[in-house]
PDB file of all heavy atoms in Angstrom:
ATOM      1  N   ASN A   1       0.887  -1.119  -0.011  1.00  0.00           N
ATOM      2  CA  ASN A   1       0.012   0.011   0.009  1.00  0.00           C
ATOM      3  C   ASN A   1       0.934   1.175   0.006  1.00  0.00           C
ATOM      4  O   ASN A   1       1.532   1.543   0.997  1.00  0.00           O
ATOM      5  CB  ASN A   1      -0.872  -0.039   1.309  1.00  0.00           C
ATOM      6  CG  ASN A   1      -1.770   1.225   1.368  1.00  0.00           C
ATOM      7  OD1 ASN A   1      -1.649   2.157   0.585  1.00  0.00           O
ATOM      8  ND2 ASN A   1      -2.641   1.260   2.408  1.00  0.00           N
ATOM      9  N   LYS A   2       1.023   1.857  -1.139  1.00  0.00           N
ATOM     10  CA  LYS A   2       2.046   2.902  -1.268  1.00  0.00           C
ATOM     11  C   LYS A   2       1.685   4.268  -0.634  1.00  0.00           C
ATOM     12  O   LYS A   2       2.565   5.038  -0.379  1.00  0.00           O
ATOM     13  CB  LYS A   2       2.239   3.255  -2.776  1.00  0.00           C
ATOM     14  CG  LYS A   2       3.065   2.207  -3.583  1.00  0.00           C
ATOM     15  CD  LYS A   2       4.560   2.242  -3.152  1.00  0.00           C
ATOM     16  CE  LYS A   2       5.469   1.489  -3.999  1.00  0.00           C
ATOM     17  NZ  LYS A   2       5.868   2.043  -5.306  1.00  0.00           N
ATOM     18  N   ARG A   3       0.450   4.401  -0.206  1.00  0.00           N
ATOM     19  CA  ARG A   3       0.032   5.663   0.489  1.00  0.00           C
ATOM     20  C   ARG A   3       0.546   6.904  -0.356  1.00  0.00           C
ATOM     21  O   ARG A   3       1.379   7.667   0.145  1.00  0.00           O
ATOM     22  CB  ARG A   3       0.565   5.671   1.907  1.00  0.00           C
ATOM     23  CG  ARG A   3      -0.010   4.614   2.771  1.00  0.00           C
ATOM     24  CD  ARG A   3       0.719   4.551   4.109  1.00  0.00           C
ATOM     25  NE  ARG A   3       0.026   3.718   5.112  1.00  0.00           N
ATOM     26  CZ  ARG A   3       0.225   2.416   5.127  1.00  0.00           C
ATOM     27  NH1 ARG A   3       1.023   1.837   4.220  1.00  0.00           N
ATOM     28  NH2 ARG A   3      -0.444   1.701   6.028  1.00  0.00           N
ATOM     29  N   GLU A   4       0.030   6.954  -1.609  1.00  0.00           N
ATOM     30  CA  GLU A   4       0.550   8.008  -2.512  1.00  0.00           C
ATOM     31  C   GLU A   4       0.421   9.422  -2.056  1.00  0.00           C
ATOM     32  O   GLU A   4       1.111  10.290  -2.566  1.00  0.00           O
ATOM     33  CB  GLU A   4      -0.113   7.802  -3.853  1.00  0.00           C
ATOM     34  CG  GLU A   4       0.091   6.471  -4.553  1.00  0.00           C
ATOM     35  CD  GLU A   4       1.556   6.251  -5.049  1.00  0.00           C
ATOM     36  OE1 GLU A   4       2.363   7.172  -4.874  1.00  0.00           O
ATOM     37  OE2 GLU A   4       1.895   5.142  -5.523  1.00  0.00           O
ATOM     38  N   ASP A   5      -0.404   9.617  -1.041  1.00  0.00           N
ATOM     39  CA  ASP A   5      -0.595  11.006  -0.574  1.00  0.00           C
ATOM     40  C   ASP A   5       0.471  11.411   0.452  1.00  0.00           C
ATOM     41  O   ASP A   5       0.513  12.543   0.926  1.00  0.00           O
ATOM     42  CB  ASP A   5      -1.967  11.096   0.115  1.00  0.00           C
ATOM     43  CG  ASP A   5      -2.124  10.141   1.349  1.00  0.00           C
ATOM     44  OD1 ASP A   5      -1.570   8.963   1.185  1.00  0.00           O
ATOM     45  OD2 ASP A   5      -2.720  10.506   2.279  1.00  0.00           O
ATOM     46  N   ARG A   6       1.397  10.514   0.702  1.00  0.00           N
ATOM     47  CA  ARG A   6       2.550  10.841   1.671  1.00  0.00           C
ATOM     48  C   ARG A   6       3.835  10.551   1.057  1.00  0.00           C
ATOM     49  O   ARG A   6       3.904   9.743   0.171  1.00  0.00           O
ATOM     50  CB  ARG A   6       2.314  10.064   2.936  1.00  0.00           C
ATOM     51  CG  ARG A   6       1.041  10.381   3.729  1.00  0.00           C
ATOM     52  CD  ARG A   6       0.784   9.391   4.805  1.00  0.00           C
ATOM     53  NE  ARG A   6       1.838   9.439   5.855  1.00  0.00           N
ATOM     54  CZ  ARG A   6       1.777   8.521   6.830  1.00  0.00           C
ATOM     55  NH1 ARG A   6       0.857   7.612   6.973  1.00  0.00           N
ATOM     56  NH2 ARG A   6       2.763   8.549   7.768  1.00  0.00           N
ATOM     57  N   PRO A   7       4.939  11.269   1.480  1.00  0.00           N
ATOM     58  CA  PRO A   7       6.278  10.999   0.887  1.00  0.00           C
ATOM     59  C   PRO A   7       6.597   9.481   1.142  1.00  0.00           C
ATOM     60  O   PRO A   7       6.385   8.982   2.231  1.00  0.00           O
ATOM     61  CB  PRO A   7       7.126  11.869   1.680  1.00  0.00           C
ATOM     62  CG  PRO A   7       6.247  12.953   2.203  1.00  0.00           C
ATOM     63  CD  PRO A   7       4.925  12.309   2.471  1.00  0.00           C
ATOM     64  N   LYS A   8       7.251   8.902   0.202  1.00  0.00           N
ATOM     65  CA  LYS A   8       7.629   7.526   0.260  1.00  0.00           C
ATOM     66  C   LYS A   8       8.578   7.179   1.382  1.00  0.00           C
ATOM     67  O   LYS A   8       8.569   6.245   2.040  1.00  0.00           O
ATOM     68  CB  LYS A   8       8.275   7.043  -1.100  1.00  0.00           C
ATOM     69  CG  LYS A   8       7.242   6.957  -2.254  1.00  0.00           C
ATOM     70  CD  LYS A   8       7.902   6.447  -3.455  1.00  0.00           C
ATOM     71  CE  LYS A   8       6.910   6.367  -4.653  1.00  0.00           C
ATOM     72  NZ  LYS A   8       7.490   5.922  -5.914  1.00  0.00           N
ATOM     73  N   SER A   9       9.561   8.232   1.591  1.00  0.00           N
ATOM     74  CA  SER A   9      10.514   7.976   2.734  1.00  0.00           C
ATOM     75  C   SER A   9       9.758   7.940   4.059  1.00  0.00           C
ATOM     76  O   SER A   9      10.223   7.280   5.020  1.00  0.00           O
ATOM     77  CB  SER A   9      11.580   9.031   2.691  1.00  0.00           C
ATOM     78  OG  SER A   9      10.922  10.339   2.789  1.00  0.00           O
ATOM     79  N   GLU A  10       8.690   8.658   4.181  1.00  0.00           N
ATOM     80  CA  GLU A  10       7.922   8.776   5.462  1.00  0.00           C
ATOM     81  C   GLU A  10       7.128   7.442   5.723  1.00  0.00           C
ATOM     82  O   GLU A  10       7.018   7.088   6.914  1.00  0.00           O
ATOM     83  CB  GLU A  10       6.975   9.943   5.336  1.00  0.00           C
ATOM     84  CG  GLU A  10       6.138  10.149   6.549  1.00  0.00           C
ATOM     85  CD  GLU A  10       5.162  11.398   6.389  1.00  0.00           C
ATOM     86  OE1 GLU A  10       5.645  12.422   6.037  1.00  0.00           O
ATOM     87  OE2 GLU A  10       3.922  11.070   6.467  1.00  0.00           O
ATOM     88  N   THR A  11       6.755   6.777   4.669  1.00  0.00           N
ATOM     89  CA  THR A  11       5.932   5.542   4.842  1.00  0.00           C
ATOM     90  C   THR A  11       6.732   4.310   4.689  1.00  0.00           C
ATOM     91  O   THR A  11       6.188   3.212   4.852  1.00  0.00           O
ATOM     92  CB  THR A  11       4.776   5.601   3.809  1.00  0.00           C
ATOM     93  OG1 THR A  11       5.251   5.464   2.564  1.00  0.00           O
ATOM     94  CG2 THR A  11       3.836   6.758   4.026  1.00  0.00           C
ATOM     95  N   TRP A  12       8.073   4.422   4.396  1.00  0.00           N
ATOM     96  CA  TRP A  12       8.876   3.252   4.074  1.00  0.00           C
ATOM     97  C   TRP A  12       8.750   2.158   5.129  1.00  0.00           C
ATOM     98  O   TRP A  12       8.403   1.003   4.805  1.00  0.00           O
ATOM     99  CB  TRP A  12      10.292   3.693   3.872  1.00  0.00           C
ATOM    100  CG  TRP A  12      11.215   2.576   3.463  1.00  0.00           C
ATOM    101  CD1 TRP A  12      11.517   2.159   2.150  1.00  0.00           C
ATOM    102  CD2 TRP A  12      11.923   1.687   4.320  1.00  0.00           C
ATOM    103  NE1 TRP A  12      12.388   1.081   2.146  1.00  0.00           N
ATOM    104  CE2 TRP A  12      12.720   0.807   3.510  1.00  0.00           C
ATOM    105  CE3 TRP A  12      12.119   1.561   5.724  1.00  0.00           C
ATOM    106  CZ2 TRP A  12      13.512  -0.206   3.921  1.00  0.00           C
ATOM    107  CZ3 TRP A  12      12.934   0.571   6.178  1.00  0.00           C
ATOM    108  CH2 TRP A  12      13.668  -0.311   5.352  1.00  0.00           C
ATOM    109  N   LYS A  13       9.056   2.491   6.336  1.00  0.00           N
ATOM    110  CA  LYS A  13       9.030   1.392   7.414  1.00  0.00           C
ATOM    111  C   LYS A  13       7.702   0.832   7.665  1.00  0.00           C
ATOM    112  O   LYS A  13       7.548  -0.340   7.864  1.00  0.00           O
ATOM    113  CB  LYS A  13       9.690   1.980   8.683  1.00  0.00           C
ATOM    114  CG  LYS A  13       9.966   0.872   9.707  1.00  0.00           C
ATOM    115  CD  LYS A  13      11.025   1.289  10.687  1.00  0.00           C
ATOM    116  CE  LYS A  13      11.425   0.023  11.551  1.00  0.00           C
ATOM    117  NZ  LYS A  13      12.613   0.338  12.363  1.00  0.00           N
ATOM    118  N   ILE A  14       6.646   1.677   7.600  1.00  0.00           N
ATOM    119  CA  ILE A  14       5.301   1.164   7.783  1.00  0.00           C
ATOM    120  C   ILE A  14       4.967   0.133   6.773  1.00  0.00           C
ATOM    121  O   ILE A  14       4.502  -0.945   6.982  1.00  0.00           O
ATOM    122  CB  ILE A  14       4.242   2.281   7.666  1.00  0.00           C
ATOM    123  CG1 ILE A  14       4.445   3.297   8.813  1.00  0.00           C
ATOM    124  CG2 ILE A  14       2.819   1.778   7.710  1.00  0.00           C
ATOM    125  CD1 ILE A  14       3.662   4.593   8.627  1.00  0.00           C
ATOM    126  N   ARG A  15       5.283   0.473   5.412  1.00  0.00           N
ATOM    127  CA  ARG A  15       5.013  -0.475   4.356  1.00  0.00           C
ATOM    128  C   ARG A  15       5.793  -1.774   4.475  1.00  0.00           C
ATOM    129  O   ARG A  15       5.277  -2.827   4.279  1.00  0.00           O
ATOM    130  CB  ARG A  15       5.366   0.241   3.044  1.00  0.00           C
ATOM    131  CG  ARG A  15       4.364   1.374   2.655  1.00  0.00           C
ATOM    132  CD  ARG A  15       4.692   1.980   1.311  1.00  0.00           C
ATOM    133  NE  ARG A  15       5.837   2.973   1.349  1.00  0.00           N
ATOM    134  CZ  ARG A  15       6.950   2.736   0.676  1.00  0.00           C
ATOM    135  NH1 ARG A  15       7.211   1.604   0.116  1.00  0.00           N
ATOM    136  NH2 ARG A  15       7.849   3.683   0.809  1.00  0.00           N
ATOM    137  N   LYS A  16       7.013  -1.683   4.950  1.00  0.00           N
ATOM    138  CA  LYS A  16       7.886  -2.872   5.009  1.00  0.00           C
ATOM    139  C   LYS A  16       7.357  -3.702   6.225  1.00  0.00           C
ATOM    140  O   LYS A  16       7.340  -5.001   6.088  1.00  0.00           O
ATOM    141  CB  LYS A  16       9.289  -2.479   5.308  1.00  0.00           C
ATOM    142  CG  LYS A  16       9.975  -1.654   4.227  1.00  0.00           C
ATOM    143  CD  LYS A  16       9.637  -2.234   2.841  1.00  0.00           C
ATOM    144  CE  LYS A  16      10.283  -1.303   1.676  1.00  0.00           C
ATOM    145  NZ  LYS A  16       9.862  -1.833   0.352  1.00  0.00           N
ATOM    146  N   GLN A  17       6.963  -3.129   7.278  1.00  0.00           N
ATOM    147  CA  GLN A  17       6.455  -3.847   8.381  1.00  0.00           C
ATOM    148  C   GLN A  17       5.182  -4.613   8.147  1.00  0.00           C
ATOM    149  O   GLN A  17       4.969  -5.738   8.477  1.00  0.00           O
ATOM    150  CB  GLN A  17       6.186  -2.889   9.661  1.00  0.00           C
ATOM    151  CG  GLN A  17       7.471  -2.411  10.250  1.00  0.00           C
ATOM    152  CD  GLN A  17       7.262  -1.361  11.366  1.00  0.00           C
ATOM    153  OE1 GLN A  17       6.325  -0.622  11.238  1.00  0.00           O
ATOM    154  NE2 GLN A  17       8.086  -1.385  12.402  1.00  0.00           N
ATOM    155  N   GLU A  18       4.305  -3.948   7.280  1.00  0.00           N
ATOM    156  CA  GLU A  18       3.074  -4.514   6.912  1.00  0.00           C
ATOM    157  C   GLU A  18       3.402  -5.711   5.910  1.00  0.00           C
ATOM    158  O   GLU A  18       2.673  -6.837   6.171  1.00  0.00           O
ATOM    159  CB  GLU A  18       2.206  -3.512   6.096  1.00  0.00           C
ATOM    160  CG  GLU A  18       1.535  -2.476   6.836  1.00  0.00           C
ATOM    161  CD  GLU A  18       0.797  -1.429   6.060  1.00  0.00           C
ATOM    162  OE1 GLU A  18       1.120  -1.345   4.841  1.00  0.00           O
ATOM    163  OE2 GLU A  18       0.111  -0.602   6.652  1.00  0.00           O
ATOM    164  N   GLN A  19       4.316  -5.680   5.081  1.00  0.00           N
ATOM    165  CA  GLN A  19       4.649  -6.806   4.190  1.00  0.00           C
ATOM    166  C   GLN A  19       5.224  -7.976   5.049  1.00  0.00           C
ATOM    167  O   GLN A  19       4.847  -9.092   4.795  1.00  0.00           O
ATOM    168  CB  GLN A  19       5.708  -6.365   3.133  1.00  0.00           C
ATOM    169  CG  GLN A  19       5.182  -5.482   2.029  1.00  0.00           C
ATOM    170  CD  GLN A  19       4.056  -6.168   1.262  1.00  0.00           C
ATOM    171  OE1 GLN A  19       2.881  -5.885   1.374  1.00  0.00           O
ATOM    172  NE2 GLN A  19       4.390  -7.089   0.439  1.00  0.00           N
ATOM    173  N   LEU A  20       6.046  -7.694   5.894  1.00  0.00           N
ATOM    174  CA  LEU A  20       6.667  -8.691   6.752  1.00  0.00           C
ATOM    175  C   LEU A  20       5.552  -9.403   7.623  1.00  0.00           C
ATOM    176  O   LEU A  20       5.538 -10.652   7.732  1.00  0.00           O
ATOM    177  CB  LEU A  20       7.741  -8.119   7.727  1.00  0.00           C
ATOM    178  CG  LEU A  20       8.968  -7.625   7.044  1.00  0.00           C
ATOM    179  CD1 LEU A  20       9.737  -6.702   8.033  1.00  0.00           C
ATOM    180  CD2 LEU A  20       9.819  -8.800   6.572  1.00  0.00           C
ATOM    181  N   GLU A  21       4.675  -8.646   8.125  1.00  0.00           N
ATOM    182  CA  GLU A  21       3.638  -9.161   9.040  1.00  0.00           C
ATOM    183  C   GLU A  21       2.751 -10.138   8.206  1.00  0.00           C
ATOM    184  O   GLU A  21       2.286 -11.138   8.761  1.00  0.00           O
ATOM    185  CB  GLU A  21       2.775  -8.073   9.673  1.00  0.00           C
ATOM    186  CG  GLU A  21       1.855  -8.514  10.763  1.00  0.00           C
ATOM    187  CD  GLU A  21       2.512  -9.264  11.902  1.00  0.00           C
ATOM    188  OE1 GLU A  21       3.664  -8.891  12.295  1.00  0.00           O
ATOM    189  OE2 GLU A  21       1.814 -10.206  12.464  1.00  0.00           O
ATOM    190  N   LYS A  22       2.259  -9.752   7.091  1.00  0.00           N
ATOM    191  CA  LYS A  22       1.297 -10.532   6.312  1.00  0.00           C
ATOM    192  C   LYS A  22       1.938 -11.754   5.639  1.00  0.00           C
ATOM    193  O   LYS A  22       1.367 -12.684   5.253  1.00  0.00           O
ATOM    194  CB  LYS A  22       0.569  -9.697   5.275  1.00  0.00           C
ATOM    195  CG  LYS A  22       1.317  -9.185   4.076  1.00  0.00           C
ATOM    196  CD  LYS A  22       0.331  -8.405   3.176  1.00  0.00           C
ATOM    197  CE  LYS A  22       1.035  -7.925   1.948  1.00  0.00           C
ATOM    198  NZ  LYS A  22       0.086  -7.227   1.026  1.00  0.00           N
ATOM    199  N   THR A  23       3.373 -11.705   5.543  1.00  0.00           N
ATOM    200  CA  THR A  23       4.032 -12.829   4.897  1.00  0.00           C
ATOM    201  C   THR A  23       4.406 -13.841   5.895  1.00  0.00           C
ATOM    202  O   THR A  23       4.631 -15.000   5.664  1.00  0.00           O
ATOM    203  CB  THR A  23       5.262 -12.335   4.102  1.00  0.00           C
ATOM    204  OG1 THR A  23       4.875 -11.370   3.153  1.00  0.00           O
ATOM    205  CG2 THR A  23       5.978 -13.495   3.391  1.00  0.00           C
ATOM    206  N   LYS A  24       4.587 -13.405   7.217  1.00  0.00           N
ATOM    207  CA  LYS A  24       5.071 -14.263   8.278  1.00  0.00           C
ATOM    208  C   LYS A  24       4.403 -15.687   8.295  1.00  0.00           C
ATOM    209  O   LYS A  24       4.985 -16.691   8.409  1.00  0.00           O
ATOM    210  CB  LYS A  24       4.873 -13.622   9.653  1.00  0.00           C
ATOM    211  CG  LYS A  24       5.436 -14.325  10.813  1.00  0.00           C
ATOM    212  CD  LYS A  24       5.347 -13.529  12.071  1.00  0.00           C
ATOM    213  CE  LYS A  24       3.910 -13.048  12.388  1.00  0.00           C
ATOM    214  NZ  LYS A  24       3.736 -12.312  13.629  1.00  0.00           N
ATOM    215  N   ASP A  25       2.991 -15.653   8.219  1.00  0.00           N
ATOM    216  CA  ASP A  25       2.247 -16.931   8.235  1.00  0.00           C
ATOM    217  C   ASP A  25       1.674 -17.307   7.022  1.00  0.00           C
ATOM    218  O   ASP A  25       0.720 -18.139   6.845  1.00  0.00           O
ATOM    219  CB  ASP A  25       1.152 -16.788   9.324  1.00  0.00           C
ATOM    220  CG  ASP A  25       1.676 -16.487  10.738  1.00  0.00           C
ATOM    221  OD1 ASP A  25       2.668 -17.176  11.131  1.00  0.00           O
ATOM    222  OD2 ASP A  25       1.134 -15.701  11.429  1.00  0.00           O
ATOM    223  N   ALA A  26       2.283 -16.790   5.904  1.00  0.00           N
ATOM    224  CA  ALA A  26       1.718 -17.073   4.522  1.00  0.00           C
ATOM    225  C   ALA A  26       2.326 -18.433   4.033  1.00  0.00           C
ATOM    226  O   ALA A  26       3.100 -19.081   4.703  1.00  0.00           O
ATOM    227  CB  ALA A  26       2.006 -15.961   3.554  1.00  0.00           C
ATOM    228  N   SER A  27       1.807 -18.782   2.914  1.00  0.00           N
ATOM    229  CA  SER A  27       2.186 -20.102   2.263  1.00  0.00           C
ATOM    230  C   SER A  27       3.576 -20.039   1.798  1.00  0.00           C
ATOM    231  O   SER A  27       4.197 -18.973   1.631  1.00  0.00           O
ATOM    232  CB  SER A  27       1.266 -20.398   1.144  1.00  0.00           C
ATOM    233  OG  SER A  27       1.529 -19.491   0.019  1.00  0.00           O
ATOM    234  N   ARG A  28       4.175 -21.221   1.538  1.00  0.00           N
ATOM    235  CA  ARG A  28       5.494 -21.313   0.986  1.00  0.00           C
ATOM    236  C   ARG A  28       5.600 -20.561  -0.309  1.00  0.00           C
ATOM    237  O   ARG A  28       6.562 -20.032  -0.704  1.00  0.00           O
ATOM    238  CB  ARG A  28       6.001 -22.810   0.822  1.00  0.00           C
ATOM    239  CG  ARG A  28       7.350 -23.066   0.384  1.00  0.00           C
ATOM    240  CD  ARG A  28       7.699 -24.537   0.256  1.00  0.00           C
ATOM    241  NE  ARG A  28       9.033 -24.774  -0.141  1.00  0.00           N
ATOM    242  CZ  ARG A  28      10.054 -24.933   0.495  1.00  0.00           C
ATOM    243  NH1 ARG A  28       9.899 -24.963   1.845  1.00  0.00           N
ATOM    244  NH2 ARG A  28      11.275 -25.185   0.036  1.00  0.00           N
ATOM    245  N   SER A  29       4.538 -20.754  -1.121  1.00  0.00           N
ATOM    246  CA  SER A  29       4.609 -20.052  -2.485  1.00  0.00           C
ATOM    247  C   SER A  29       4.691 -18.634  -2.361  1.00  0.00           C
ATOM    248  O   SER A  29       5.455 -17.996  -3.091  1.00  0.00           O
ATOM    249  CB  SER A  29       3.237 -20.410  -3.222  1.00  0.00           C
ATOM    250  OG  SER A  29       3.208 -21.848  -3.492  1.00  0.00           O
ATOM    251  N   VAL A  30       3.978 -17.946  -1.443  1.00  0.00           N
ATOM    252  CA  VAL A  30       4.060 -16.537  -1.169  1.00  0.00           C
ATOM    253  C   VAL A  30       5.547 -16.210  -0.748  1.00  0.00           C
ATOM    254  O   VAL A  30       6.104 -15.217  -1.269  1.00  0.00           O
ATOM    255  CB  VAL A  30       3.079 -16.066  -0.134  1.00  0.00           C
ATOM    256  CG1 VAL A  30       3.431 -14.619   0.438  1.00  0.00           C
ATOM    257  CG2 VAL A  30       1.706 -16.148  -0.626  1.00  0.00           C
ATOM    258  N   LYS A  31       6.083 -17.012   0.139  1.00  0.00           N
ATOM    259  CA  LYS A  31       7.453 -16.760   0.593  1.00  0.00           C
ATOM    260  C   LYS A  31       8.438 -16.907  -0.491  1.00  0.00           C
ATOM    261  O   LYS A  31       9.517 -16.207  -0.524  1.00  0.00           O
ATOM    262  CB  LYS A  31       7.734 -17.641   1.785  1.00  0.00           C
ATOM    263  CG  LYS A  31       6.900 -17.239   2.980  1.00  0.00           C
ATOM    264  CD  LYS A  31       7.229 -18.231   4.162  1.00  0.00           C
ATOM    265  CE  LYS A  31       6.359 -17.715   5.381  1.00  0.00           C
ATOM    266  NZ  LYS A  31       6.554 -18.624   6.528  1.00  0.00           N
ATOM    267  N   CYS A  32       8.184 -17.838  -1.487  1.00  0.00           N
ATOM    268  CA  CYS A  32       9.167 -18.005  -2.627  1.00  0.00           C
ATOM    269  C   CYS A  32       9.234 -16.711  -3.462  1.00  0.00           C
ATOM    270  O   CYS A  32      10.340 -16.272  -3.870  1.00  0.00           O
ATOM    271  CB  CYS A  32       8.604 -19.180  -3.489  1.00  0.00           C
ATOM    272  SG  CYS A  32       9.099 -20.810  -2.802  1.00  0.00           S
ATOM    273  N   ILE A  33       8.038 -16.013  -3.582  1.00  0.00           N
ATOM    274  CA  ILE A  33       8.045 -14.839  -4.406  1.00  0.00           C
ATOM    275  C   ILE A  33       8.743 -13.726  -3.681  1.00  0.00           C
ATOM    276  O   ILE A  33       9.536 -12.985  -4.169  1.00  0.00           O
ATOM    277  CB  ILE A  33       6.535 -14.434  -4.784  1.00  0.00           C
ATOM    278  CG1 ILE A  33       5.929 -15.468  -5.649  1.00  0.00           C
ATOM    279  CG2 ILE A  33       6.630 -13.155  -5.511  1.00  0.00           C
ATOM    280  CD1 ILE A  33       4.450 -15.228  -5.899  1.00  0.00           C
ATOM    281  N   MET A  34       8.495 -13.626  -2.321  1.00  0.00           N
ATOM    282  CA  MET A  34       9.224 -12.612  -1.566  1.00  0.00           C
ATOM    283  C   MET A  34      10.711 -12.821  -1.590  1.00  0.00           C
ATOM    284  O   MET A  34      11.506 -11.868  -1.771  1.00  0.00           O
ATOM    285  CB  MET A  34       8.668 -12.555  -0.124  1.00  0.00           C
ATOM    286  CG  MET A  34       9.531 -11.665   0.711  1.00  0.00           C
ATOM    287  SD  MET A  34       8.952 -11.464   2.452  1.00  0.00           S
ATOM    288  CE  MET A  34       8.144  -9.896   2.487  1.00  0.00           C
ATOM    289  N   LEU A  35      11.246 -14.011  -1.342  1.00  0.00           N
ATOM    290  CA  LEU A  35      12.605 -14.369  -1.343  1.00  0.00           C
ATOM    291  C   LEU A  35      13.204 -14.038  -2.703  1.00  0.00           C
ATOM    292  O   LEU A  35      14.328 -13.339  -2.711  1.00  0.00           O
ATOM    293  CB  LEU A  35      12.857 -15.755  -0.984  1.00  0.00           C
ATOM    294  CG  LEU A  35      14.293 -16.240  -1.076  1.00  0.00           C
ATOM    295  CD1 LEU A  35      15.325 -15.403  -0.239  1.00  0.00           C
ATOM    296  CD2 LEU A  35      14.451 -17.738  -0.719  1.00  0.00           C
ATOM    297  N   ALA A  36      12.548 -14.429  -3.753  1.00  0.00           N
ATOM    298  CA  ALA A  36      13.104 -14.187  -5.105  1.00  0.00           C
ATOM    299  C   ALA A  36      13.223 -12.683  -5.375  1.00  0.00           C
ATOM    300  O   ALA A  36      14.182 -12.162  -5.938  1.00  0.00           O
ATOM    301  CB  ALA A  36      12.287 -14.883  -6.178  1.00  0.00           C
ATOM    302  N   ASP A  37      12.137 -11.971  -5.054  1.00  0.00           N
ATOM    303  CA  ASP A  37      12.156 -10.536  -5.215  1.00  0.00           C
ATOM    304  C   ASP A  37      13.349  -9.786  -4.502  1.00  0.00           C
ATOM    305  O   ASP A  37      14.043  -9.029  -5.011  1.00  0.00           O
ATOM    306  CB  ASP A  37      10.812  -9.989  -4.692  1.00  0.00           C
ATOM    307  CG  ASP A  37      10.665  -8.487  -4.768  1.00  0.00           C
ATOM    308  OD1 ASP A  37      11.385  -7.853  -5.597  1.00  0.00           O
ATOM    309  OD2 ASP A  37       9.820  -7.926  -4.028  1.00  0.00           O
ATOM    310  N   LYS A  38      13.463 -10.255  -3.246  1.00  0.00           N
ATOM    311  CA  LYS A  38      14.568  -9.503  -2.416  1.00  0.00           C
ATOM    312  C   LYS A  38      15.919 -10.067  -2.812  1.00  0.00           C
ATOM    313  O   LYS A  38      16.953  -9.286  -2.823  1.00  0.00           O
ATOM    314  CB  LYS A  38      14.363  -9.814  -0.945  1.00  0.00           C
ATOM    315  CG  LYS A  38      12.936  -9.416  -0.363  1.00  0.00           C
ATOM    316  CD  LYS A  38      12.560  -8.066  -0.929  1.00  0.00           C
ATOM    317  CE  LYS A  38      11.043  -7.695  -0.478  1.00  0.00           C
ATOM    318  NZ  LYS A  38      10.483  -6.677  -1.301  1.00  0.00           N
ATOM    319  N   LEU A  39      16.042 -11.270  -3.280  1.00  0.00           N
ATOM    320  CA  LEU A  39      17.361 -11.759  -3.801  1.00  0.00           C
ATOM    321  C   LEU A  39      17.751 -10.964  -5.094  1.00  0.00           C
ATOM    322  O   LEU A  39      18.900 -10.584  -5.176  1.00  0.00           O
ATOM    323  CB  LEU A  39      17.333 -13.243  -4.042  1.00  0.00           C
ATOM    324  CG  LEU A  39      18.590 -13.864  -4.711  1.00  0.00           C
ATOM    325  CD1 LEU A  39      19.844 -13.534  -3.956  1.00  0.00           C
ATOM    326  CD2 LEU A  39      18.429 -15.395  -4.841  1.00  0.00           C
ATOM    327  N   SER A  40      16.777 -10.795  -5.966  1.00  0.00           N
ATOM    328  CA  SER A  40      17.078  -9.960  -7.094  1.00  0.00           C
ATOM    329  C   SER A  40      17.500  -8.533  -6.710  1.00  0.00           C
ATOM    330  O   SER A  40      18.486  -8.029  -7.291  1.00  0.00           O
ATOM    331  CB  SER A  40      15.800  -9.945  -7.980  1.00  0.00           C
ATOM    332  OG  SER A  40      16.003  -9.019  -9.094  1.00  0.00           O
ATOM    333  N   ASN A  41      16.819  -8.000  -5.756  1.00  0.00           N
ATOM    334  CA  ASN A  41      17.167  -6.691  -5.287  1.00  0.00           C
ATOM    335  C   ASN A  41      18.628  -6.652  -4.714  1.00  0.00           C
ATOM    336  O   ASN A  41      19.470  -5.775  -5.022  1.00  0.00           O
ATOM    337  CB  ASN A  41      16.289  -6.168  -4.252  1.00  0.00           C
ATOM    338  CG  ASN A  41      15.006  -5.723  -4.771  1.00  0.00           C
ATOM    339  OD1 ASN A  41      14.833  -5.541  -5.999  1.00  0.00           O
ATOM    340  ND2 ASN A  41      13.898  -5.705  -3.921  1.00  0.00           N
ATOM    341  N   MET A  42      19.017  -7.668  -3.917  1.00  0.00           N
ATOM    342  CA  MET A  42      20.289  -7.728  -3.227  1.00  0.00           C
ATOM    343  C   MET A  42      21.342  -8.057  -4.227  1.00  0.00           C
ATOM    344  O   MET A  42      22.509  -7.579  -4.079  1.00  0.00           O
ATOM    345  CB  MET A  42      20.265  -8.665  -2.069  1.00  0.00           C
ATOM    346  CG  MET A  42      19.504  -8.278  -0.967  1.00  0.00           C
ATOM    347  SD  MET A  42      19.894  -6.470  -0.254  1.00  0.00           S
ATOM    348  CE  MET A  42      21.597  -6.767   0.068  1.00  0.00           C
TER     349      MET A  42
END
């Protein structure tokens, strides 16, 4: 949820915390996409 009405730097941690929280108990398939996305970034 990008919250386009606010600066991205201001909402960065909120957005990351939300993603982590909803992925914590998600399926292996969801976690595969997250890991692949972050590995590509890294």
